[in-house]
Structure formats: structure tokens, C-alpha cells
Amino acid sequence: MMDEIRQRGIILDELKEQLSAGTISIGTAVKRLRNEVTGLRQEQFAGMCKISLRTLRQIEQDEGNPTLQTLNAVFKPFGMRVGIVPLRRG
């Protein structure tokens, strides 16, 4: 049980870093969070987030144009929300 919790924390940290760096798409991150952290099917996760199954599928496939409210609903169960981050200068 403790190993599962630790592993979920590692996945969350990894995805947060990748999202912040722009090396992973929002859709890929959402799909990994749903599968690897919650283990829920799309139907279950969409219901939990109070969004339609179609909307979740579009988000996970990086299609459509979800609102900030919708994206925040999807990330809220993981203690995250969409925000503005500064561009990194290289």
C-alpha cells in the first residue's frame, strides 16, 4: 500500500515537471494521470470530474478546445490546476 502511494507521488511529480517544461501535452498527462494514478476507465473519470465522456476523450487526444474550467475540473483530483508560467529563456 505504501509503495503504491509513493509510486503515485512519483508519477505526479514527474508529470508536473514535464507539463511545466512543456515536454508533454496536456492530453497525454491527463491520460497518464487517469490510468496510472486513479486506474479509472474514461467513463468513471469523466463522471467524477463532471464532464462529458466526449470532452474527456477530446482532451486525452489533444483535440477540441477545452475551457480552463474544464481543464481545472480534470486536474483538481490531483491537486493541480491550469496556470500561467513564464517562458524559459535558453
PDB file of N, CA and C in Angstrom:
ATOM      1  N   MET A   1       0.828  -1.203   0.000  1.00  0.00           N
ATOM      2  CA  MET A   1       0.000   0.000   0.000  1.00  0.00           C
ATOM      3  C   MET A   1       0.867   1.259   0.000  1.00  0.00           C
ATOM      4  N   MET A   2       1.877   1.280   0.860  1.00  0.00           N
ATOM      5  CA  MET A   2       2.753   2.441   0.944  1.00  0.00           C
ATOM      6  C   MET A   2       3.526   2.627  -0.354  1.00  0.00           C
ATOM      7  N   ASP A   3       3.935   1.508  -0.979  1.00  0.00           N
ATOM      8  CA  ASP A   3       4.652   1.592  -2.247  1.00  0.00           C
ATOM      9  C   ASP A   3       3.768   2.186  -3.338  1.00  0.00           C
ATOM     10  N   GLU A   4       2.473   1.825  -3.338  1.00  0.00           N
ATOM     11  CA  GLU A   4       1.539   2.381  -4.321  1.00  0.00           C
ATOM     12  C   GLU A   4       1.412   3.886  -4.155  1.00  0.00           C
ATOM     13  N   ILE A   5       1.286   4.337  -2.927  1.00  0.00           N
ATOM     14  CA  ILE A   5       1.160   5.771  -2.651  1.00  0.00           C
ATOM     15  C   ILE A   5       2.428   6.498  -3.076  1.00  0.00           C
ATOM     16  N   ARG A   6       3.557   5.925  -2.759  1.00  0.00           N
ATOM     17  CA  ARG A   6       4.846   6.522  -3.135  1.00  0.00           C
ATOM     18  C   ARG A   6       4.969   6.591  -4.660  1.00  0.00           C
ATOM     19  N   GLN A   7       4.579   5.514  -5.340  1.00  0.00           N
ATOM     20  CA  GLN A   7       4.656   5.467  -6.804  1.00  0.00           C
ATOM     21  C   GLN A   7       3.744   6.520  -7.430  1.00  0.00           C
ATOM     22  N   ARG A   8       2.552   6.695  -6.885  1.00  0.00           N
ATOM     23  CA  ARG A   8       1.634   7.722  -7.398  1.00  0.00           C
ATOM     24  C   ARG A   8       2.239   9.113  -7.229  1.00  0.00           C
ATOM     25  N   GLY A   9       2.887   9.344  -6.097  1.00  0.00           N
ATOM     26  CA  GLY A   9       3.546  10.629  -5.865  1.00  0.00           C
ATOM     27  C   GLY A   9       4.660  10.876  -6.867  1.00  0.00           C
ATOM     28  N   ILE A  10       5.409   9.836  -7.184  1.00  0.00           N
ATOM     29  CA  ILE A  10       6.490   9.951  -8.166  1.00  0.00           C
ATOM     30  C   ILE A  10       5.915  10.289  -9.537  1.00  0.00           C
ATOM     31  N   ILE A  11       4.833   9.619  -9.913  1.00  0.00           N
ATOM     32  CA  ILE A  11       4.186   9.886 -11.204  1.00  0.00           C
ATOM     33  C   ILE A  11       3.689  11.327 -11.253  1.00  0.00           C
ATOM     34  N   LEU A  12       3.028  11.778 -10.189  1.00  0.00           N
ATOM     35  CA  LEU A  12       2.532  13.160 -10.143  1.00  0.00           C
ATOM     36  C   LEU A  12       3.667  14.164 -10.285  1.00  0.00           C
ATOM     37  N   ASP A  13       4.741  13.960  -9.545  1.00  0.00           N
ATOM     38  CA  ASP A  13       5.882  14.876  -9.621  1.00  0.00           C
ATOM     39  C   ASP A  13       6.480  14.901 -11.023  1.00  0.00           C
ATOM     40  N   GLU A  14       6.611  13.726 -11.616  1.00  0.00           N
ATOM     41  CA  GLU A  14       7.173  13.618 -12.965  1.00  0.00           C
ATOM     42  C   GLU A  14       6.313  14.371 -13.978  1.00  0.00           C
ATOM     43  N   LEU A  15       5.006  14.169 -13.902  1.00  0.00           N
ATOM     44  CA  LEU A  15       4.103  14.820 -14.851  1.00  0.00           C
ATOM     45  C   LEU A  15       4.047  16.327 -14.634  1.00  0.00           C
ATOM     46  N   LYS A  16       4.088  16.763 -13.387  1.00  0.00           N
ATOM     47  CA  LYS A  16       4.112  18.207 -13.112  1.00  0.00           C
ATOM     48  C   LYS A  16       5.343  18.846 -13.742  1.00  0.00           C
ATOM     49  N   GLU A  17       6.476  18.183 -13.591  1.00  0.00           N
ATOM     50  CA  GLU A  17       7.725  18.700 -14.154  1.00  0.00           C
ATOM     51  C   GLU A  17       7.651  18.742 -15.683  1.00  0.00           C
ATOM     52  N   GLN A  18       7.140  17.676 -16.284  1.00  0.00           N
ATOM     53  CA  GLN A  18       7.039  17.619 -17.741  1.00  0.00           C
ATOM     54  C   GLN A  18       6.061  18.659 -18.275  1.00  0.00           C
ATOM     55  N   LEU A  19       4.942  18.847 -17.594  1.00  0.00           N
ATOM     56  CA  LEU A  19       3.981  19.870 -18.015  1.00  0.00           C
ATOM     57  C   LEU A  19       4.591  21.260 -17.915  1.00  0.00           C
ATOM     58  N   SER A  20       5.274  21.515 -16.828  1.00  0.00           N
ATOM     59  CA  SER A  20       5.904  22.815 -16.618  1.00  0.00           C
ATOM     60  C   SER A  20       6.968  23.094 -17.674  1.00  0.00           C
ATOM     61  N   ALA A  21       7.704  22.059 -18.063  1.00  0.00           N
ATOM     62  CA  ALA A  21       8.768  22.206 -19.058  1.00  0.00           C
ATOM     63  C   ALA A  21       8.228  22.188 -20.485  1.00  0.00           C
ATOM     64  N   GLY A  22       6.956  21.804 -20.643  1.00  0.00           N
ATOM     65  CA  GLY A  22       6.365  21.737 -21.974  1.00  0.00           C
ATOM     66  C   GLY A  22       6.815  20.541 -22.784  1.00  0.00           C
ATOM     67  N   THR A  23       7.268  19.489 -22.104  1.00  0.00           N
ATOM     68  CA  THR A  23       7.744  18.300 -22.812  1.00  0.00           C
ATOM     69  C   THR A  23       6.684  17.213 -22.937  1.00  0.00           C
ATOM     70  N   ILE A  24       5.493  17.475 -22.411  1.00  0.00           N
ATOM     71  CA  ILE A  24       4.381  16.530 -22.509  1.00  0.00           C
ATOM     72  C   ILE A  24       3.120  17.344 -22.767  1.00  0.00           C
ATOM     73  N   SER A  25       2.223  16.792 -23.563  1.00  0.00           N
ATOM     74  CA  SER A  25       0.972  17.503 -23.840  1.00  0.00           C
ATOM     75  C   SER A  25       0.007  17.344 -22.670  1.00  0.00           C
ATOM     76  N   ILE A  26      -0.934  18.248 -22.591  1.00  0.00           N
ATOM     77  CA  ILE A  26      -1.963  18.157 -21.550  1.00  0.00           C
ATOM     78  C   ILE A  26      -2.726  16.847 -21.695  1.00  0.00           C
ATOM     79  N   GLY A  27      -3.063  16.492 -22.927  1.00  0.00           N
ATOM     80  CA  GLY A  27      -3.812  15.262 -23.158  1.00  0.00           C
ATOM     81  C   GLY A  27      -3.083  14.021 -22.681  1.00  0.00           C
ATOM     82  N   THR A  28      -1.806  13.938 -22.992  1.00  0.00           N
ATOM     83  CA  THR A  28      -1.003  12.799 -22.555  1.00  0.00           C
ATOM     84  C   THR A  28      -0.910  12.760 -21.035  1.00  0.00           C
ATOM     85  N   ALA A  29      -0.740  13.925 -20.431  1.00  0.00           N
ATOM     86  CA  ALA A  29      -0.665  13.991 -18.969  1.00  0.00           C
ATOM     87  C   ALA A  29      -1.971  13.529 -18.331  1.00  0.00           C
ATOM     88  N   VAL A  30      -3.095  13.993 -18.856  1.00  0.00           N
ATOM     89  CA  VAL A  30      -4.399  13.607 -18.308  1.00  0.00           C
ATOM     90  C   VAL A  30      -4.598  12.099 -18.437  1.00  0.00           C
ATOM     91  N   LYS A  31      -4.266  11.560 -19.585  1.00  0.00           N
ATOM     92  CA  LYS A  31      -4.438  10.120 -19.793  1.00  0.00           C
ATOM     93  C   LYS A  31      -3.564   9.318 -18.827  1.00  0.00           C
ATOM     94  N   ARG A  32      -2.315   9.739 -18.652  1.00  0.00           N
ATOM     95  CA  ARG A  32      -1.430   9.042 -17.709  1.00  0.00           C
ATOM     96  C   ARG A  32      -1.940   9.170 -16.278  1.00  0.00           C
ATOM     97  N   LEU A  33      -2.396  10.353 -15.905  1.00  0.00           N
ATOM     98  CA  LEU A  33      -2.939  10.539 -14.555  1.00  0.00           C
ATOM     99  C   LEU A  33      -4.133   9.619 -14.330  1.00  0.00           C
ATOM    100  N   ARG A  34      -5.035   9.606 -15.295  1.00  0.00           N
ATOM    101  CA  ARG A  34      -6.229   8.767 -15.165  1.00  0.00           C
ATOM    102  C   ARG A  34      -5.848   7.296 -15.050  1.00  0.00           C
ATOM    103  N   ASN A  35      -4.979   6.840 -15.928  1.00  0.00           N
ATOM    104  CA  ASN A  35      -4.608   5.420 -15.946  1.00  0.00           C
ATOM    105  C   ASN A  35      -3.703   5.020 -14.792  1.00  0.00           C
ATOM    106  N   GLU A  36      -2.632   5.768 -14.597  1.00  0.00           N
ATOM    107  CA  GLU A  36      -1.587   5.347 -13.667  1.00  0.00           C
ATOM    108  C   GLU A  36      -1.830   5.755 -12.219  1.00  0.00           C
ATOM    109  N   VAL A  37      -2.591   6.820 -12.011  1.00  0.00           N
ATOM    110  CA  VAL A  37      -2.842   7.267 -10.638  1.00  0.00           C
ATOM    111  C   VAL A  37      -4.203   6.795 -10.142  1.00  0.00           C
ATOM    112  N   THR A  38      -5.248   6.967 -10.959  1.00  0.00           N
ATOM    113  CA  THR A  38      -6.581   6.568 -10.490  1.00  0.00           C
ATOM    114  C   THR A  38      -6.964   5.155 -10.905  1.00  0.00           C
ATOM    115  N   GLY A  39      -6.480   4.719 -12.066  1.00  0.00           N
ATOM    116  CA  GLY A  39      -6.868   3.404 -12.572  1.00  0.00           C
ATOM    117  C   GLY A  39      -8.304   3.350 -13.061  1.00  0.00           C
ATOM    118  N   LEU A  40      -8.928   4.511 -13.235  1.00  0.00           N
ATOM    119  CA  LEU A  40     -10.331   4.563 -13.649  1.00  0.00           C
ATOM    120  C   LEU A  40     -10.476   4.485 -15.167  1.00  0.00           C
ATOM    121  N   ARG A  41     -11.618   3.948 -15.596  1.00  0.00           N
ATOM    122  CA  ARG A  41     -11.977   3.991 -17.012  1.00  0.00           C
ATOM    123  C   ARG A  41     -12.395   5.416 -17.358  1.00  0.00           C
ATOM    124  N   GLN A  42     -12.379   5.736 -18.646  1.00  0.00           N
ATOM    125  CA  GLN A  42     -12.752   7.079 -19.079  1.00  0.00           C
ATOM    126  C   GLN A  42     -14.134   7.475 -18.566  1.00  0.00           C
ATOM    127  N   GLU A  43     -15.089   6.560 -18.640  1.00  0.00           N
ATOM    128  CA  GLU A  43     -16.455   6.866 -18.212  1.00  0.00           C
ATOM    129  C   GLU A  43     -16.490   7.250 -16.735  1.00  0.00           C
ATOM    130  N   GLN A  44     -15.777   6.495 -15.916  1.00  0.00           N
ATOM    131  CA  GLN A  44     -15.754   6.756 -14.478  1.00  0.00           C
ATOM    132  C   GLN A  44     -15.083   8.095 -14.171  1.00  0.00           C
ATOM    133  N   PHE A  45     -13.951   8.337 -14.818  1.00  0.00           N
ATOM    134  CA  PHE A  45     -13.204   9.562 -14.553  1.00  0.00           C
ATOM    135  C   PHE A  45     -13.979  10.789 -15.024  1.00  0.00           C
ATOM    136  N   ALA A  46     -14.601  10.702 -16.190  1.00  0.00           N
ATOM    137  CA  ALA A  46     -15.404  11.819 -16.697  1.00  0.00           C
ATOM    138  C   ALA A  46     -16.533  12.136 -15.719  1.00  0.00           C
ATOM    139  N   GLY A  47     -17.190  11.108 -15.215  1.00  0.00           N
ATOM    140  CA  GLY A  47     -18.258  11.310 -14.241  1.00  0.00           C
ATOM    141  C   GLY A  47     -17.753  11.952 -12.962  1.00  0.00           C
ATOM    142  N   MET A  48     -16.599  11.507 -12.490  1.00  0.00           N
ATOM    143  CA  MET A  48     -16.014  12.062 -11.277  1.00  0.00           C
ATOM    144  C   MET A  48     -15.697  13.545 -11.460  1.00  0.00           C
ATOM    145  N   CYS A  49     -15.247  13.908 -12.660  1.00  0.00           N
ATOM    146  CA  CYS A  49     -14.880  15.303 -12.952  1.00  0.00           C
ATOM    147  C   CYS A  49     -16.073  16.148 -13.397  1.00  0.00           C
ATOM    148  N   LYS A  50     -17.217  15.505 -13.559  1.00  0.00           N
ATOM    149  CA  LYS A  50     -18.442  16.179 -14.009  1.00  0.00           C
ATOM    150  C   LYS A  50     -18.270  16.819 -15.385  1.00  0.00           C
ATOM    151  N   ILE A  51     -17.638  16.041 -16.285  1.00  0.00           N
ATOM    152  CA  ILE A  51     -17.524  16.449 -17.679  1.00  0.00           C
ATOM    153  C   ILE A  51     -18.031  15.300 -18.535  1.00  0.00           C
ATOM    154  N   SER A  52     -18.317  15.577 -19.791  1.00  0.00           N
ATOM    155  CA  SER A  52     -18.821  14.516 -20.661  1.00  0.00           C
ATOM    156  C   SER A  52     -17.686  13.585 -21.080  1.00  0.00           C
ATOM    157  N   LEU A  53     -18.058  12.369 -21.418  1.00  0.00           N
ATOM    158  CA  LEU A  53     -17.093  11.391 -21.905  1.00  0.00           C
ATOM    159  C   LEU A  53     -16.432  11.912 -23.180  1.00  0.00           C
ATOM    160  N   ARG A  54     -17.218  12.514 -24.044  1.00  0.00           N
ATOM    161  CA  ARG A  54     -16.685  13.070 -25.299  1.00  0.00           C
ATOM    162  C   ARG A  54     -15.616  14.128 -25.019  1.00  0.00           C
ATOM    163  N   THR A  55     -15.876  14.995 -24.050  1.00  0.00           N
ATOM    164  CA  THR A  55     -14.908  16.036 -23.704  1.00  0.00           C
ATOM    165  C   THR A  55     -13.617  15.421 -23.190  1.00  0.00           C
ATOM    166  N   LEU A  56     -13.712  14.427 -22.317  1.00  0.00           N
ATOM    167  CA  LEU A  56     -12.512  13.767 -21.801  1.00  0.00           C
ATOM    168  C   LEU A  56     -11.728  13.120 -22.931  1.00  0.00           C
ATOM    169  N   ARG A  57     -12.422  12.445 -23.822  1.00  0.00           N
ATOM    170  CA  ARG A  57     -11.736  11.807 -24.950  1.00  0.00           C
ATOM    171  C   ARG A  57     -11.005  12.845 -25.799  1.00  0.00           C
ATOM    172  N   GLN A  58     -11.662  13.977 -26.046  1.00  0.00           N
ATOM    173  CA  GLN A  58     -11.021  15.036 -26.831  1.00  0.00           C
ATOM    174  C   GLN A  58      -9.778  15.573 -26.119  1.00  0.00           C
ATOM    175  N   ILE A  59      -9.879  15.770 -24.817  1.00  0.00           N
ATOM    176  CA  ILE A  59      -8.722  16.262 -24.054  1.00  0.00           C
ATOM    177  C   ILE A  59      -7.573  15.263 -24.155  1.00  0.00           C
ATOM    178  N   GLU A  60      -7.861  13.995 -23.919  1.00  0.00           N
ATOM    179  CA  GLU A  60      -6.815  12.974 -23.932  1.00  0.00           C
ATOM    180  C   GLU A  60      -6.185  12.804 -25.310  1.00  0.00           C
ATOM    181  N   GLN A  61      -6.917  13.164 -26.359  1.00  0.00           N
ATOM    182  CA  GLN A  61      -6.389  13.056 -27.723  1.00  0.00           C
ATOM    183  C   GLN A  61      -5.846  14.393 -28.223  1.00  0.00           C
ATOM    184  N   ASP A  62      -5.746  15.372 -27.320  1.00  0.00           N
ATOM    185  CA  ASP A  62      -5.272  16.719 -27.671  1.00  0.00           C
ATOM    186  C   ASP A  62      -6.081  17.319 -28.814  1.00  0.00           C
ATOM    187  N   GLU A  63      -7.381  17.122 -28.739  1.00  0.00           N
ATOM    188  CA  GLU A  63      -8.293  17.675 -29.734  1.00  0.00           C
ATOM    189  C   GLU A  63      -9.269  18.609 -29.039  1.00  0.00           C
ATOM    190  N   GLY A  64     -10.040  19.321 -29.819  1.00  0.00           N
ATOM    191  CA  GLY A  64     -11.030  20.227 -29.252  1.00  0.00           C
ATOM    192  C   GLY A  64     -10.365  21.453 -28.661  1.00  0.00           C
ATOM    193  N   ASN A  65     -11.150  22.199 -27.919  1.00  0.00           N
ATOM    194  CA  ASN A  65     -10.671  23.442 -27.314  1.00  0.00           C
ATOM    195  C   ASN A  65     -11.306  23.573 -25.932  1.00  0.00           C
ATOM    196  N   PRO A  66     -10.816  22.784 -24.958  1.00  0.00           N
ATOM    197  CA  PRO A  66     -11.449  22.798 -23.634  1.00  0.00           C
ATOM    198  C   PRO A  66     -11.266  24.140 -22.930  1.00  0.00           C
ATOM    199  N   THR A  67     -12.229  24.489 -22.122  1.00  0.00           N
ATOM    200  CA  THR A  67     -12.142  25.721 -21.338  1.00  0.00           C
ATOM    201  C   THR A  67     -11.208  25.504 -20.152  1.00  0.00           C
ATOM    202  N   LEU A  68     -10.772  26.600 -19.560  1.00  0.00           N
ATOM    203  CA  LEU A  68      -9.959  26.499 -18.344  1.00  0.00           C
ATOM    204  C   LEU A  68     -10.741  25.797 -17.242  1.00  0.00           C
ATOM    205  N   GLN A  69     -12.030  26.078 -17.172  1.00  0.00           N
ATOM    206  CA  GLN A  69     -12.882  25.452 -16.155  1.00  0.00           C
ATOM    207  C   GLN A  69     -12.869  23.928 -16.315  1.00  0.00           C
ATOM    208  N   THR A  70     -12.970  23.460 -17.546  1.00  0.00           N
ATOM    209  CA  THR A  70     -12.959  22.024 -17.801  1.00  0.00           C
ATOM    210  C   THR A  70     -11.608  21.415 -17.448  1.00  0.00           C
ATOM    211  N   LEU A  71     -10.532  22.062 -17.870  1.00  0.00           N
ATOM    212  CA  LEU A  71      -9.196  21.549 -17.552  1.00  0.00           C
ATOM    213  C   LEU A  71      -8.958  21.534 -16.046  1.00  0.00           C
ATOM    214  N   ASN A  72      -9.411  22.564 -15.363  1.00  0.00           N
ATOM    215  CA  ASN A  72      -9.257  22.596 -13.906  1.00  0.00           C
ATOM    216  C   ASN A  72     -10.057  21.481 -13.244  1.00  0.00           C
ATOM    217  N   ALA A  73     -11.225  21.158 -13.789  1.00  0.00           N
ATOM    218  CA  ALA A  73     -12.029  20.064 -13.243  1.00  0.00           C
ATOM    219  C   ALA A  73     -11.292  18.733 -13.380  1.00  0.00           C
ATOM    220  N   VAL A  74     -10.560  18.574 -14.475  1.00  0.00           N
ATOM    221  CA  VAL A  74      -9.820  17.335 -14.722  1.00  0.00           C
ATOM    222  C   VAL A  74      -8.584  17.235 -13.825  1.00  0.00           C
ATOM    223  N   PHE A  75      -7.915  18.346 -13.593  1.00  0.00           N
ATOM    224  CA  PHE A  75      -6.689  18.323 -12.790  1.00  0.00           C
ATOM    225  C   PHE A  75      -6.942  18.424 -11.285  1.00  0.00           C
ATOM    226  N   LYS A  76      -8.113  18.902 -10.876  1.00  0.00           N
ATOM    227  CA  LYS A  76      -8.416  19.101  -9.455  1.00  0.00           C
ATOM    228  C   LYS A  76      -8.225  17.842  -8.601  1.00  0.00           C
ATOM    229  N   PRO A  77      -8.660  16.662  -9.057  1.00  0.00           N
ATOM    230  CA  PRO A  77      -8.472  15.469  -8.218  1.00  0.00           C
ATOM    231  C   PRO A  77      -7.010  15.160  -7.887  1.00  0.00           C
ATOM    232  N   PHE A  78      -6.096  15.770  -8.628  1.00  0.00           N
ATOM    233  CA  PHE A  78      -4.667  15.526  -8.423  1.00  0.00           C
ATOM    234  C   PHE A  78      -3.982  16.701  -7.726  1.00  0.00           C
ATOM    235  N   GLY A  79      -4.792  17.639  -7.240  1.00  0.00           N
ATOM    236  CA  GLY A  79      -4.240  18.790  -6.539  1.00  0.00           C
ATOM    237  C   GLY A  79      -3.549  19.783  -7.456  1.00  0.00           C
ATOM    238  N   MET A  80      -3.990  19.832  -8.706  1.00  0.00           N
ATOM    239  CA  MET A  80      -3.380  20.735  -9.680  1.00  0.00           C
ATOM    240  C   MET A  80      -4.457  21.584 -10.350  1.00  0.00           C
ATOM    241  N   ARG A  81      -4.006  22.682 -10.955  1.00  0.00           N
ATOM    242  CA  ARG A  81      -4.885  23.498 -11.774  1.00  0.00           C
ATOM    243  C   ARG A  81      -4.046  24.138 -12.869  1.00  0.00           C
ATOM    244  N   VAL A  82      -4.710  24.632 -13.883  1.00  0.00           N
ATOM    245  CA  VAL A  82      -4.032  25.266 -15.004  1.00  0.00           C
ATOM    246  C   VAL A  82      -3.609  26.667 -14.583  1.00  0.00           C
ATOM    247  N   GLY A  83      -2.413  27.067 -14.972  1.00  0.00           N
ATOM    248  CA  GLY A  83      -1.922  28.394 -14.609  1.00  0.00           C
ATOM    249  C   GLY A  83      -1.008  28.957 -15.674  1.00  0.00           C
ATOM    250  N   ILE A  84      -0.588  30.161 -15.447  1.00  0.00           N
ATOM    251  CA  ILE A  84       0.330  30.832 -16.353  1.00  0.00           C
ATOM    252  C   ILE A  84       1.737  30.683 -15.792  1.00  0.00           C
ATOM    253  N   VAL A  85       2.642  30.249 -16.638  1.00  0.00           N
ATOM    254  CA  VAL A  85       4.037  30.106 -16.226  1.00  0.00           C
ATOM    255  C   VAL A  85       4.912  30.916 -17.176  1.00  0.00           C
ATOM    256  N   PRO A  86       6.001  31.458 -16.672  1.00  0.00           N
ATOM    257  CA  PRO A  86       6.874  32.246 -17.544  1.00  0.00           C
ATOM    258  C   PRO A  86       7.576  31.362 -18.570  1.00  0.00           C
ATOM    259  N   LEU A  87       7.828  31.943 -19.735  1.00  0.00           N
ATOM    260  CA  LEU A  87       8.601  31.236 -20.747  1.00  0.00           C
ATOM    261  C   LEU A  87      10.042  31.150 -20.284  1.00  0.00           C
ATOM    262  N   ARG A  88      10.638  30.034 -20.531  1.00  0.00           N
ATOM    263  CA  ARG A  88      12.039  29.860 -20.149  1.00  0.00           C
ATOM    264  C   ARG A  88      12.917  30.367 -21.284  1.00  0.00           C
ATOM    265  N   ARG A  89      13.887  31.134 -20.921  1.00  0.00           N
ATOM    266  CA  ARG A  89      14.819  31.637 -21.934  1.00  0.00           C
ATOM    267  C   ARG A  89      16.047  30.753 -21.941  1.00  0.00           C
ATOM    268  N   GLY A  90      16.428  30.333 -23.138  1.00  0.00           N
ATOM    269  CA  GLY A  90      17.553  29.418 -23.234  1.00  0.00           C
ATOM    270  C   GLY A  90      18.710  30.019 -23.796  1.00  0.00           C
TER     271      GLY A  90
END
